[in-house]
Amino acid sequence: MGRTCRNICLRYQADPVPNKIRYEIGQKRCTFCGIFMKDCDTRCICCKAVLRTKPRSKKKE
């Protein structure tokens, strides 16, 4: 059975902040639903996908 976004995750959507600090303040991203969440475990509430906790690119400043 495939994943399906049931829009439950929209209740847990995080407030907008600069992209650089999203992961530093504890927000997590669901790659399937395409949103950042707050107050979540390791899996998305609606589609059960594993949430990303680190940025994809590690740019050195």
N, C-alpha and C. Protein backbone atom coordinates (compact mmCIF):
# COMPACT_ATOMS: atom_id res chain seq x y z
N MET A 1 0.84 -1.18 0.00
CA MET A 1 0.00 0.00 0.00
C MET A 1 0.89 1.25 0.00
N GLY A 2 0.58 2.18 -0.87
CA GLY A 2 1.38 3.39 -1.01
C GLY A 2 1.03 4.44 0.04
N ARG A 3 1.90 5.42 0.14
CA ARG A 3 1.67 6.51 1.08
C ARG A 3 0.64 7.48 0.51
N THR A 4 -0.12 8.08 1.41
CA THR A 4 -1.10 9.07 1.02
C THR A 4 -1.12 10.17 2.06
N CYS A 5 -1.01 11.40 1.61
CA CYS A 5 -1.12 12.53 2.52
C CYS A 5 -2.60 12.80 2.74
N ARG A 6 -3.02 12.74 4.01
CA ARG A 6 -4.42 12.94 4.34
C ARG A 6 -4.68 14.33 4.91
N ASN A 7 -3.71 15.23 4.78
CA ASN A 7 -3.80 16.63 5.22
C ASN A 7 -3.99 16.78 6.73
N ILE A 8 -3.69 15.76 7.50
CA ILE A 8 -3.69 15.87 8.95
C ILE A 8 -2.47 16.69 9.38
N CYS A 9 -1.41 16.61 8.61
CA CYS A 9 -0.15 17.28 8.95
C CYS A 9 -0.28 18.80 8.93
N LEU A 10 -1.27 19.35 8.27
CA LEU A 10 -1.42 20.80 8.20
C LEU A 10 -1.70 21.40 9.57
N ARG A 11 -2.25 20.62 10.50
CA ARG A 11 -2.48 21.10 11.86
C ARG A 11 -1.17 21.29 12.62
N TYR A 12 -0.14 20.55 12.22
CA TYR A 12 1.15 20.58 12.89
C TYR A 12 2.20 21.37 12.12
N GLN A 13 1.78 22.11 11.11
CA GLN A 13 2.72 22.86 10.29
C GLN A 13 3.40 23.93 11.12
N ALA A 14 4.71 24.08 10.92
CA ALA A 14 5.51 25.03 11.69
C ALA A 14 5.37 26.44 11.15
N ASP A 15 5.62 27.40 12.01
CA ASP A 15 5.58 28.80 11.62
C ASP A 15 6.76 29.11 10.71
N PRO A 16 6.61 30.06 9.79
CA PRO A 16 7.71 30.40 8.88
C PRO A 16 8.87 31.06 9.62
N VAL A 17 10.07 30.58 9.33
CA VAL A 17 11.32 31.15 9.85
C VAL A 17 12.35 31.06 8.73
N PRO A 18 13.49 31.75 8.87
CA PRO A 18 14.53 31.62 7.83
C PRO A 18 14.97 30.16 7.68
N ASN A 19 15.21 29.74 6.45
CA ASN A 19 15.53 28.34 6.16
C ASN A 19 16.78 27.85 6.86
N LYS A 20 17.73 28.74 7.14
CA LYS A 20 18.99 28.32 7.74
C LYS A 20 18.80 27.73 9.14
N ILE A 21 17.82 28.21 9.88
CA ILE A 21 17.71 27.78 11.27
C ILE A 21 16.54 26.84 11.54
N ARG A 22 15.84 26.40 10.52
CA ARG A 22 14.68 25.52 10.74
C ARG A 22 15.05 24.26 11.51
N TYR A 23 16.11 23.58 11.09
CA TYR A 23 16.50 22.34 11.74
C TYR A 23 17.13 22.60 13.11
N GLU A 24 17.78 23.76 13.26
CA GLU A 24 18.42 24.09 14.52
C GLU A 24 17.41 24.32 15.64
N ILE A 25 16.23 24.83 15.31
CA ILE A 25 15.23 25.08 16.34
C ILE A 25 14.28 23.91 16.54
N GLY A 26 14.55 22.80 15.86
CA GLY A 26 13.79 21.58 16.10
C GLY A 26 12.69 21.25 15.13
N GLN A 27 12.56 22.01 14.06
CA GLN A 27 11.54 21.68 13.07
C GLN A 27 12.02 20.50 12.22
N LYS A 28 11.07 19.69 11.77
CA LYS A 28 11.37 18.52 10.95
C LYS A 28 10.56 18.59 9.67
N ARG A 29 11.11 18.04 8.58
CA ARG A 29 10.45 18.13 7.28
C ARG A 29 9.98 16.76 6.82
N CYS A 30 8.75 16.71 6.36
CA CYS A 30 8.23 15.52 5.71
C CYS A 30 8.46 15.69 4.22
N THR A 31 9.25 14.82 3.62
CA THR A 31 9.55 14.96 2.20
C THR A 31 8.35 14.58 1.33
N PHE A 32 7.48 13.73 1.84
CA PHE A 32 6.32 13.32 1.05
C PHE A 32 5.26 14.42 1.04
N CYS A 33 4.93 14.98 2.21
CA CYS A 33 3.93 16.04 2.29
C CYS A 33 4.49 17.40 1.88
N GLY A 34 5.81 17.58 2.04
CA GLY A 34 6.46 18.81 1.61
C GLY A 34 6.32 19.96 2.58
N ILE A 35 6.14 19.69 3.88
CA ILE A 35 6.02 20.78 4.85
C ILE A 35 6.94 20.53 6.04
N PHE A 36 7.25 21.61 6.75
CA PHE A 36 7.98 21.51 8.00
C PHE A 36 6.97 21.38 9.12
N MET A 37 7.31 20.55 10.12
CA MET A 37 6.41 20.32 11.25
C MET A 37 7.09 20.65 12.56
N LYS A 38 6.26 20.89 13.56
CA LYS A 38 6.75 21.10 14.91
C LYS A 38 6.08 20.08 15.82
N ASP A 39 6.69 19.77 16.93
CA ASP A 39 6.13 18.86 17.92
C ASP A 39 5.79 17.49 17.34
N CYS A 40 6.73 16.89 16.63
CA CYS A 40 6.50 15.58 16.03
C CYS A 40 7.57 14.59 16.47
N ASP A 41 7.27 13.31 16.29
CA ASP A 41 8.23 12.26 16.57
C ASP A 41 9.11 12.08 15.33
N THR A 42 9.51 10.86 15.06
CA THR A 42 10.38 10.60 13.92
C THR A 42 9.60 10.32 12.64
N ARG A 43 8.31 10.13 12.74
CA ARG A 43 7.49 9.85 11.56
C ARG A 43 6.38 10.87 11.41
N CYS A 44 5.97 11.09 10.16
CA CYS A 44 4.89 12.02 9.85
C CYS A 44 3.57 11.45 10.39
N ILE A 45 2.74 12.33 10.88
CA ILE A 45 1.48 11.91 11.49
C ILE A 45 0.49 11.38 10.46
N CYS A 46 0.49 11.94 9.26
CA CYS A 46 -0.53 11.53 8.30
C CYS A 46 -0.07 10.46 7.30
N CYS A 47 1.20 10.49 6.88
CA CYS A 47 1.61 9.52 5.86
C CYS A 47 2.62 8.50 6.38
N LYS A 48 3.07 8.66 7.62
CA LYS A 48 3.99 7.73 8.28
C LYS A 48 5.37 7.66 7.63
N ALA A 49 5.75 8.68 6.87
CA ALA A 49 7.09 8.75 6.29
C ALA A 49 8.08 9.22 7.36
N VAL A 50 9.34 8.83 7.23
CA VAL A 50 10.37 9.26 8.17
C VAL A 50 10.65 10.74 7.92
N LEU A 51 10.67 11.54 8.98
CA LEU A 51 10.91 12.97 8.87
C LEU A 51 12.40 13.26 8.78
N ARG A 52 12.75 14.26 8.00
CA ARG A 52 14.14 14.67 7.86
C ARG A 52 14.48 15.62 9.00
N THR A 53 15.59 15.35 9.69
CA THR A 53 16.01 16.18 10.82
C THR A 53 17.27 16.98 10.54
N LYS A 54 17.88 16.76 9.39
CA LYS A 54 19.10 17.47 9.01
C LYS A 54 18.92 18.01 7.60
N PRO A 55 19.56 19.13 7.29
CA PRO A 55 19.47 19.65 5.92
C PRO A 55 20.18 18.73 4.93
N ARG A 56 19.74 18.74 3.68
CA ARG A 56 20.36 17.88 2.67
C ARG A 56 21.75 18.34 2.33
N SER A 57 21.95 19.63 2.24
CA SER A 57 23.27 20.16 1.90
C SER A 57 23.96 20.67 3.15
N LYS A 58 25.23 20.38 3.25
CA LYS A 58 26.00 20.84 4.39
C LYS A 58 26.98 21.90 3.90
N LYS A 59 26.49 23.10 3.70
CA LYS A 59 27.32 24.18 3.20
C LYS A 59 28.15 24.74 4.33
N LYS A 60 29.44 24.87 4.08
CA LYS A 60 30.33 25.47 5.07
C LYS A 60 30.42 26.96 4.82
N GLU A 61 30.27 27.73 5.87
CA GLU A 61 30.29 29.18 5.73
C GLU A 61 31.66 29.73 5.98
